[in-house]
Amino acid sequence: MAKPEEVKHRFIELRALGKSYAAICKELQITKRTAVDWGRQLEQEIARLKAIELEGLYESYGLQKEARIKALGGMLQRMEAELAQRDLTKVNTGRLLELYLTYHQQAALDTQELRFISTQEEEEEHQHQEILKALATL
């Protein structure tokens, strides 16, 4: 039988992966009440592990994202050059403008920056959430 610390650690891993309480209860052979209690008690550890996992995904996606941004930028430059040469009264120009806007929007989405928060900011956010919970019960 697994040690309680190992079970809790596995619980944190499974919650960070987005597993449901029902699936976790079945795998770890714990009650739903225990799972819910642990979910509350270990909320910060779960969030931290989830952030670490997400950071790893972003890192592995980073090179792909960089190549995608470059490709989108190149396509935008070619479209801008073509638009500059075209008479905007032609029907095909409308379609080209649609494509330009679509590529421009996608490039804007792909260039958004990740924002990591400090431990102090995380604690402040947690305090704010606790205050909001307390106010909600009034």
N, C-alpha and C. Protein backbone atom coordinates (compact mmCIF):
# COMPACT_ATOMS: atom_id res chain seq x y z
N MET A 1 0.84 -1.19 0.00
CA MET A 1 0.00 0.00 0.00
C MET A 1 0.89 1.25 0.00
N ALA A 2 0.50 2.25 -0.78
CA ALA A 2 1.28 3.48 -0.90
C ALA A 2 1.19 4.31 0.38
N LYS A 3 2.27 5.04 0.64
CA LYS A 3 2.31 5.93 1.80
C LYS A 3 1.38 7.11 1.56
N PRO A 4 0.81 7.66 2.63
CA PRO A 4 -0.11 8.81 2.48
C PRO A 4 0.51 9.99 1.73
N GLU A 5 1.81 10.25 1.95
CA GLU A 5 2.47 11.36 1.25
C GLU A 5 2.50 11.09 -0.26
N GLU A 6 2.75 9.83 -0.62
CA GLU A 6 2.81 9.46 -2.04
C GLU A 6 1.43 9.61 -2.69
N VAL A 7 0.39 9.25 -1.94
CA VAL A 7 -0.98 9.36 -2.46
C VAL A 7 -1.33 10.83 -2.67
N LYS A 8 -0.97 11.67 -1.70
CA LYS A 8 -1.24 13.10 -1.84
C LYS A 8 -0.47 13.69 -3.01
N HIS A 9 0.79 13.28 -3.17
CA HIS A 9 1.60 13.78 -4.29
C HIS A 9 0.96 13.37 -5.62
N ARG A 10 0.50 12.14 -5.70
CA ARG A 10 -0.15 11.67 -6.92
C ARG A 10 -1.45 12.44 -7.15
N PHE A 11 -2.17 12.74 -6.07
CA PHE A 11 -3.39 13.54 -6.16
C PHE A 11 -3.09 14.89 -6.79
N ILE A 12 -2.02 15.55 -6.30
CA ILE A 12 -1.62 16.86 -6.84
C ILE A 12 -1.31 16.74 -8.32
N GLU A 13 -0.56 15.70 -8.71
CA GLU A 13 -0.22 15.50 -10.12
C GLU A 13 -1.48 15.34 -10.98
N LEU A 14 -2.40 14.52 -10.51
CA LEU A 14 -3.61 14.26 -11.29
C LEU A 14 -4.49 15.49 -11.42
N ARG A 15 -4.62 16.26 -10.32
CA ARG A 15 -5.43 17.49 -10.39
C ARG A 15 -4.77 18.51 -11.32
N ALA A 16 -3.44 18.60 -11.28
CA ALA A 16 -2.71 19.53 -12.15
C ALA A 16 -2.90 19.15 -13.61
N LEU A 17 -3.10 17.87 -13.87
CA LEU A 17 -3.36 17.40 -15.23
C LEU A 17 -4.82 17.59 -15.65
N GLY A 18 -5.64 18.05 -14.70
CA GLY A 18 -7.05 18.32 -15.01
C GLY A 18 -7.98 17.14 -14.83
N LYS A 19 -7.53 16.11 -14.15
CA LYS A 19 -8.38 14.93 -13.92
C LYS A 19 -9.52 15.27 -12.96
N SER A 20 -10.65 14.64 -13.18
CA SER A 20 -11.82 14.89 -12.33
C SER A 20 -11.64 14.21 -10.97
N TYR A 21 -12.40 14.69 -10.00
CA TYR A 21 -12.37 14.06 -8.68
C TYR A 21 -12.78 12.59 -8.78
N ALA A 22 -13.77 12.30 -9.59
CA ALA A 22 -14.24 10.92 -9.72
C ALA A 22 -13.13 10.00 -10.23
N ALA A 23 -12.40 10.46 -11.25
CA ALA A 23 -11.31 9.64 -11.80
C ALA A 23 -10.19 9.47 -10.78
N ILE A 24 -9.90 10.54 -10.05
CA ILE A 24 -8.83 10.48 -9.04
C ILE A 24 -9.23 9.54 -7.91
N CYS A 25 -10.47 9.64 -7.45
CA CYS A 25 -10.95 8.77 -6.38
C CYS A 25 -10.83 7.31 -6.77
N LYS A 26 -11.18 7.03 -8.00
CA LYS A 26 -11.12 5.65 -8.49
C LYS A 26 -9.67 5.16 -8.53
N GLU A 27 -8.77 5.99 -9.08
CA GLU A 27 -7.36 5.58 -9.20
C GLU A 27 -6.68 5.45 -7.85
N LEU A 28 -6.92 6.41 -6.97
CA LEU A 28 -6.22 6.43 -5.68
C LEU A 28 -6.97 5.69 -4.57
N GLN A 29 -8.19 5.28 -4.88
CA GLN A 29 -9.04 4.58 -3.90
C GLN A 29 -9.23 5.42 -2.64
N ILE A 30 -9.69 6.66 -2.88
CA ILE A 30 -10.01 7.57 -1.78
C ILE A 30 -11.46 8.01 -1.94
N THR A 31 -12.04 8.54 -0.86
CA THR A 31 -13.42 9.00 -0.95
C THR A 31 -13.47 10.36 -1.64
N LYS A 32 -14.64 10.69 -2.16
CA LYS A 32 -14.81 11.99 -2.81
C LYS A 32 -14.61 13.12 -1.79
N ARG A 33 -15.06 12.91 -0.57
CA ARG A 33 -14.90 13.92 0.48
C ARG A 33 -13.42 14.22 0.71
N THR A 34 -12.61 13.15 0.76
CA THR A 34 -11.16 13.32 0.93
C THR A 34 -10.58 14.10 -0.24
N ALA A 35 -11.01 13.74 -1.44
CA ALA A 35 -10.50 14.42 -2.65
C ALA A 35 -10.85 15.91 -2.62
N VAL A 36 -12.07 16.22 -2.25
CA VAL A 36 -12.49 17.62 -2.20
C VAL A 36 -11.70 18.38 -1.12
N ASP A 37 -11.53 17.75 0.04
CA ASP A 37 -10.74 18.38 1.11
C ASP A 37 -9.30 18.62 0.67
N TRP A 38 -8.70 17.61 0.06
CA TRP A 38 -7.32 17.77 -0.42
C TRP A 38 -7.25 18.83 -1.50
N GLY A 39 -8.26 18.88 -2.35
CA GLY A 39 -8.28 19.88 -3.40
C GLY A 39 -8.22 21.29 -2.82
N ARG A 40 -8.92 21.50 -1.74
CA ARG A 40 -8.90 22.82 -1.08
C ARG A 40 -7.56 23.05 -0.38
N GLN A 41 -7.11 22.04 0.37
CA GLN A 41 -5.87 22.17 1.15
C GLN A 41 -4.65 22.35 0.24
N LEU A 42 -4.65 21.68 -0.88
CA LEU A 42 -3.47 21.64 -1.74
C LEU A 42 -3.62 22.51 -2.98
N GLU A 43 -4.55 23.45 -2.93
CA GLU A 43 -4.87 24.30 -4.08
C GLU A 43 -3.63 24.99 -4.66
N GLN A 44 -2.80 25.56 -3.80
CA GLN A 44 -1.62 26.28 -4.28
C GLN A 44 -0.60 25.33 -4.91
N GLU A 45 -0.39 24.16 -4.30
CA GLU A 45 0.55 23.19 -4.87
C GLU A 45 0.07 22.71 -6.23
N ILE A 46 -1.24 22.50 -6.36
CA ILE A 46 -1.82 22.07 -7.64
C ILE A 46 -1.62 23.16 -8.68
N ALA A 47 -1.89 24.41 -8.30
CA ALA A 47 -1.73 25.53 -9.23
C ALA A 47 -0.28 25.69 -9.65
N ARG A 48 0.65 25.51 -8.70
CA ARG A 48 2.08 25.62 -9.02
C ARG A 48 2.51 24.55 -10.02
N LEU A 49 2.08 23.32 -9.77
CA LEU A 49 2.45 22.23 -10.68
C LEU A 49 1.81 22.44 -12.05
N LYS A 50 0.58 22.90 -12.06
CA LYS A 50 -0.10 23.18 -13.33
C LYS A 50 0.66 24.26 -14.10
N ALA A 51 1.13 25.29 -13.41
CA ALA A 51 1.90 26.36 -14.05
C ALA A 51 3.22 25.83 -14.60
N ILE A 52 3.86 24.94 -13.86
CA ILE A 52 5.12 24.36 -14.32
C ILE A 52 4.88 23.52 -15.57
N GLU A 53 3.82 22.73 -15.56
CA GLU A 53 3.48 21.91 -16.74
C GLU A 53 3.18 22.80 -17.94
N LEU A 54 2.44 23.86 -17.70
CA LEU A 54 2.08 24.79 -18.77
C LEU A 54 3.31 25.49 -19.32
N GLU A 55 4.22 25.86 -18.42
CA GLU A 55 5.46 26.49 -18.86
C GLU A 55 6.25 25.55 -19.76
N GLY A 56 6.29 24.27 -19.39
CA GLY A 56 6.97 23.28 -20.21
C GLY A 56 6.35 23.15 -21.59
N LEU A 57 5.01 23.19 -21.63
CA LEU A 57 4.33 23.14 -22.92
C LEU A 57 4.65 24.37 -23.76
N TYR A 58 4.64 25.52 -23.13
CA TYR A 58 4.96 26.75 -23.86
C TYR A 58 6.39 26.70 -24.38
N GLU A 59 7.28 26.16 -23.55
CA GLU A 59 8.69 26.08 -23.96
C GLU A 59 8.83 25.16 -25.16
N SER A 60 8.17 24.00 -25.12
CA SER A 60 8.28 23.08 -26.25
C SER A 60 7.58 23.65 -27.48
N TYR A 61 6.56 24.46 -27.26
CA TYR A 61 5.83 25.07 -28.36
C TYR A 61 6.55 26.31 -28.88
N GLY A 62 7.45 26.85 -28.06
CA GLY A 62 8.12 28.10 -28.39
C GLY A 62 8.77 28.12 -29.75
N LEU A 63 9.54 27.08 -30.07
CA LEU A 63 10.22 27.07 -31.36
C LEU A 63 9.20 27.01 -32.49
N GLN A 64 8.16 26.23 -32.32
CA GLN A 64 7.11 26.17 -33.33
C GLN A 64 6.43 27.53 -33.45
N LYS A 65 6.20 28.17 -32.33
CA LYS A 65 5.53 29.46 -32.32
C LYS A 65 6.40 30.50 -33.01
N GLU A 66 7.70 30.48 -32.74
CA GLU A 66 8.60 31.43 -33.37
C GLU A 66 8.59 31.25 -34.89
N ALA A 67 8.63 30.01 -35.35
CA ALA A 67 8.60 29.75 -36.79
C ALA A 67 7.27 30.20 -37.39
N ARG A 68 6.21 29.99 -36.65
CA ARG A 68 4.88 30.39 -37.12
C ARG A 68 4.77 31.90 -37.23
N ILE A 69 5.31 32.61 -36.24
CA ILE A 69 5.28 34.08 -36.27
C ILE A 69 6.07 34.58 -37.48
N LYS A 70 7.23 33.98 -37.73
CA LYS A 70 8.04 34.37 -38.88
C LYS A 70 7.29 34.11 -40.19
N ALA A 71 6.65 32.95 -40.30
CA ALA A 71 5.90 32.62 -41.51
C ALA A 71 4.73 33.58 -41.71
N LEU A 72 4.01 33.88 -40.63
CA LEU A 72 2.89 34.82 -40.72
C LEU A 72 3.39 36.21 -41.11
N GLY A 73 4.51 36.61 -40.53
CA GLY A 73 5.08 37.91 -40.86
C GLY A 73 5.48 37.98 -42.32
N GLY A 74 6.08 36.92 -42.83
CA GLY A 74 6.46 36.88 -44.24
C GLY A 74 5.25 36.95 -45.15
N MET A 75 4.21 36.22 -44.77
CA MET A 75 2.98 36.23 -45.57
C MET A 75 2.35 37.63 -45.55
N LEU A 76 2.35 38.26 -44.38
CA LEU A 76 1.81 39.62 -44.29
C LEU A 76 2.59 40.59 -45.18
N GLN A 77 3.89 40.47 -45.19
CA GLN A 77 4.71 41.35 -46.03
C GLN A 77 4.39 41.14 -47.50
N ARG A 78 4.24 39.88 -47.93
CA ARG A 78 3.91 39.62 -49.33
C ARG A 78 2.52 40.16 -49.68
N MET A 79 1.57 39.99 -48.76
CA MET A 79 0.22 40.50 -49.01
C MET A 79 0.22 42.03 -49.06
N GLU A 80 0.96 42.66 -48.15
CA GLU A 80 1.04 44.12 -48.16
C GLU A 80 1.62 44.62 -49.48
N ALA A 81 2.66 43.95 -49.97
CA ALA A 81 3.27 44.33 -51.24
C ALA A 81 2.27 44.16 -52.39
N GLU A 82 1.54 43.07 -52.36
CA GLU A 82 0.54 42.82 -53.41
C GLU A 82 -0.59 43.83 -53.33
N LEU A 83 -1.05 44.14 -52.12
CA LEU A 83 -2.11 45.12 -51.95
C LEU A 83 -1.68 46.50 -52.46
N ALA A 84 -0.42 46.83 -52.23
CA ALA A 84 0.08 48.13 -52.68
C ALA A 84 0.04 48.26 -54.20
N GLN A 85 0.13 47.14 -54.91
CA GLN A 85 0.13 47.15 -56.37
C GLN A 85 -1.27 47.06 -56.96
N ARG A 86 -2.23 46.67 -56.18
CA ARG A 86 -3.57 46.40 -56.71
C ARG A 86 -4.46 47.62 -56.70
N ASP A 87 -5.40 47.57 -57.64
CA ASP A 87 -6.47 48.54 -57.68
C ASP A 87 -7.55 48.03 -56.72
N LEU A 88 -7.85 48.78 -55.69
CA LEU A 88 -8.75 48.30 -54.64
C LEU A 88 -10.21 48.18 -55.07
N THR A 89 -10.55 48.52 -56.30
CA THR A 89 -11.92 48.37 -56.76
C THR A 89 -12.18 46.96 -57.30
N LYS A 90 -11.14 46.13 -57.44
CA LYS A 90 -11.31 44.76 -57.96
C LYS A 90 -11.86 43.85 -56.88
N VAL A 91 -12.63 42.87 -57.27
CA VAL A 91 -13.25 41.93 -56.34
C VAL A 91 -12.20 41.13 -55.56
N ASN A 92 -11.18 40.67 -56.22
CA ASN A 92 -10.16 39.87 -55.56
C ASN A 92 -9.46 40.62 -54.43
N THR A 93 -9.46 41.90 -54.50
CA THR A 93 -8.84 42.71 -53.46
C THR A 93 -9.56 42.51 -52.13
N GLY A 94 -10.88 42.42 -52.18
CA GLY A 94 -11.65 42.20 -50.95
C GLY A 94 -11.24 40.91 -50.27
N ARG A 95 -11.10 39.88 -51.07
CA ARG A 95 -10.66 38.60 -50.51
C ARG A 95 -9.24 38.71 -49.95
N LEU A 96 -8.39 39.44 -50.66
CA LEU A 96 -7.02 39.62 -50.19
C LEU A 96 -7.00 40.41 -48.88
N LEU A 97 -7.87 41.40 -48.77
CA LEU A 97 -7.96 42.15 -47.51
C LEU A 97 -8.44 41.26 -46.37
N GLU A 98 -9.41 40.38 -46.65
CA GLU A 98 -9.87 39.44 -45.63
C GLU A 98 -8.71 38.57 -45.14
N LEU A 99 -7.96 38.04 -46.08
CA LEU A 99 -6.82 37.22 -45.72
C LEU A 99 -5.80 38.02 -44.91
N TYR A 100 -5.54 39.23 -45.34
CA TYR A 100 -4.59 40.10 -44.64
C TYR A 100 -5.04 40.29 -43.19
N LEU A 101 -6.32 40.61 -42.99
CA LEU A 101 -6.82 40.83 -41.64
C LEU A 101 -6.75 39.56 -40.80
N THR A 102 -7.06 38.44 -41.41
CA THR A 102 -6.99 37.16 -40.70
C THR A 102 -5.55 36.89 -40.25
N TYR A 103 -4.61 37.06 -41.15
CA TYR A 103 -3.20 36.85 -40.81
C TYR A 103 -2.74 37.85 -39.76
N HIS A 104 -3.17 39.08 -39.89
CA HIS A 104 -2.78 40.13 -38.94
C HIS A 104 -3.30 39.79 -37.54
N GLN A 105 -4.54 39.34 -37.44
CA GLN A 105 -5.11 38.97 -36.14
C GLN A 105 -4.36 37.79 -35.54
N GLN A 106 -4.04 36.80 -36.38
CA GLN A 106 -3.33 35.63 -35.87
C GLN A 106 -1.93 36.00 -35.39
N ALA A 107 -1.28 36.87 -36.14
CA ALA A 107 0.06 37.32 -35.73
C ALA A 107 -0.01 38.06 -34.40
N ALA A 108 -1.05 38.86 -34.20
CA ALA A 108 -1.22 39.59 -32.94
C ALA A 108 -1.43 38.61 -31.78
N LEU A 109 -2.21 37.56 -32.01
CA LEU A 109 -2.42 36.55 -30.96
C LEU A 109 -1.13 35.82 -30.63
N ASP A 110 -0.37 35.49 -31.65
CA ASP A 110 0.85 34.72 -31.45
C ASP A 110 1.97 35.52 -30.80
N THR A 111 1.87 36.82 -30.80
CA THR A 111 2.94 37.62 -30.21
C THR A 111 2.62 38.10 -28.80
N GLN A 112 1.51 37.63 -28.24
CA GLN A 112 1.19 37.99 -26.86
C GLN A 112 2.21 37.33 -25.93
N GLU A 113 2.58 38.03 -24.89
CA GLU A 113 3.59 37.56 -23.95
C GLU A 113 2.94 36.81 -22.78
N LEU A 114 3.65 35.82 -22.26
CA LEU A 114 3.25 35.15 -21.03
C LEU A 114 3.60 36.06 -19.86
N ARG A 115 2.82 35.98 -18.82
CA ARG A 115 3.13 36.79 -17.64
C ARG A 115 3.21 35.85 -16.45
N PHE A 116 4.38 35.81 -15.84
CA PHE A 116 4.58 35.00 -14.65
C PHE A 116 4.50 35.93 -13.44
N ILE A 117 3.89 35.41 -12.38
CA ILE A 117 3.76 36.23 -11.19
C ILE A 117 4.72 35.73 -10.12
N SER A 118 5.11 36.64 -9.25
CA SER A 118 6.02 36.29 -8.15
C SER A 118 5.23 35.57 -7.06
N THR A 119 5.97 34.99 -6.14
CA THR A 119 5.34 34.32 -5.00
C THR A 119 4.52 35.32 -4.20
N GLN A 120 5.03 36.53 -4.06
CA GLN A 120 4.30 37.57 -3.31
C GLN A 120 2.99 37.89 -4.02
N GLU A 121 3.04 38.05 -5.35
CA GLU A 121 1.81 38.34 -6.10
C GLU A 121 0.82 37.19 -6.00
N GLU A 122 1.35 35.96 -6.00
CA GLU A 122 0.50 34.78 -5.86
C GLU A 122 -0.18 34.77 -4.50
N GLU A 123 0.59 35.10 -3.45
CA GLU A 123 0.02 35.15 -2.10
C GLU A 123 -1.03 36.24 -1.99
N GLU A 124 -0.76 37.41 -2.59
CA GLU A 124 -1.73 38.50 -2.57
C GLU A 124 -3.01 38.09 -3.28
N GLU A 125 -2.87 37.43 -4.42
CA GLU A 125 -4.05 36.96 -5.16
C GLU A 125 -4.85 35.97 -4.32
N HIS A 126 -4.13 35.08 -3.64
CA HIS A 126 -4.80 34.11 -2.77
C HIS A 126 -5.54 34.83 -1.64
N GLN A 127 -4.92 35.85 -1.05
CA GLN A 127 -5.57 36.62 0.02
C GLN A 127 -6.83 37.31 -0.51
N HIS A 128 -6.74 37.86 -1.72
CA HIS A 128 -7.90 38.52 -2.32
C HIS A 128 -9.03 37.52 -2.54
N GLN A 129 -8.68 36.32 -2.98
CA GLN A 129 -9.70 35.29 -3.19
C GLN A 129 -10.35 34.90 -1.87
N GLU A 130 -9.55 34.80 -0.82
CA GLU A 130 -10.09 34.46 0.49
C GLU A 130 -11.05 35.55 0.99
N ILE A 131 -10.67 36.80 0.77
CA ILE A 131 -11.52 37.92 1.19
C ILE A 131 -12.85 37.87 0.42
N LEU A 132 -12.76 37.62 -0.89
CA LEU A 132 -13.98 37.53 -1.69
C LEU A 132 -14.88 36.39 -1.24
N LYS A 133 -14.26 35.24 -0.89
CA LYS A 133 -15.04 34.10 -0.38
C LYS A 133 -15.74 34.49 0.91
N ALA A 134 -15.01 35.17 1.81
CA ALA A 134 -15.58 35.59 3.09
C ALA A 134 -16.71 36.58 2.87
N LEU A 135 -16.55 37.51 1.95
CA LEU A 135 -17.60 38.48 1.67
C LEU A 135 -18.83 37.82 1.06
N ALA A 136 -18.61 36.78 0.28
CA ALA A 136 -19.72 36.09 -0.37
C ALA A 136 -20.61 35.37 0.65
N THR A 137 -20.04 35.02 1.79
CA THR A 137 -20.82 34.33 2.81
C THR A 137 -21.60 35.27 3.71
N LEU A 138 -21.38 36.58 3.60
CA LEU A 138 -22.09 37.56 4.45
C LEU A 138 -23.53 37.70 4.05
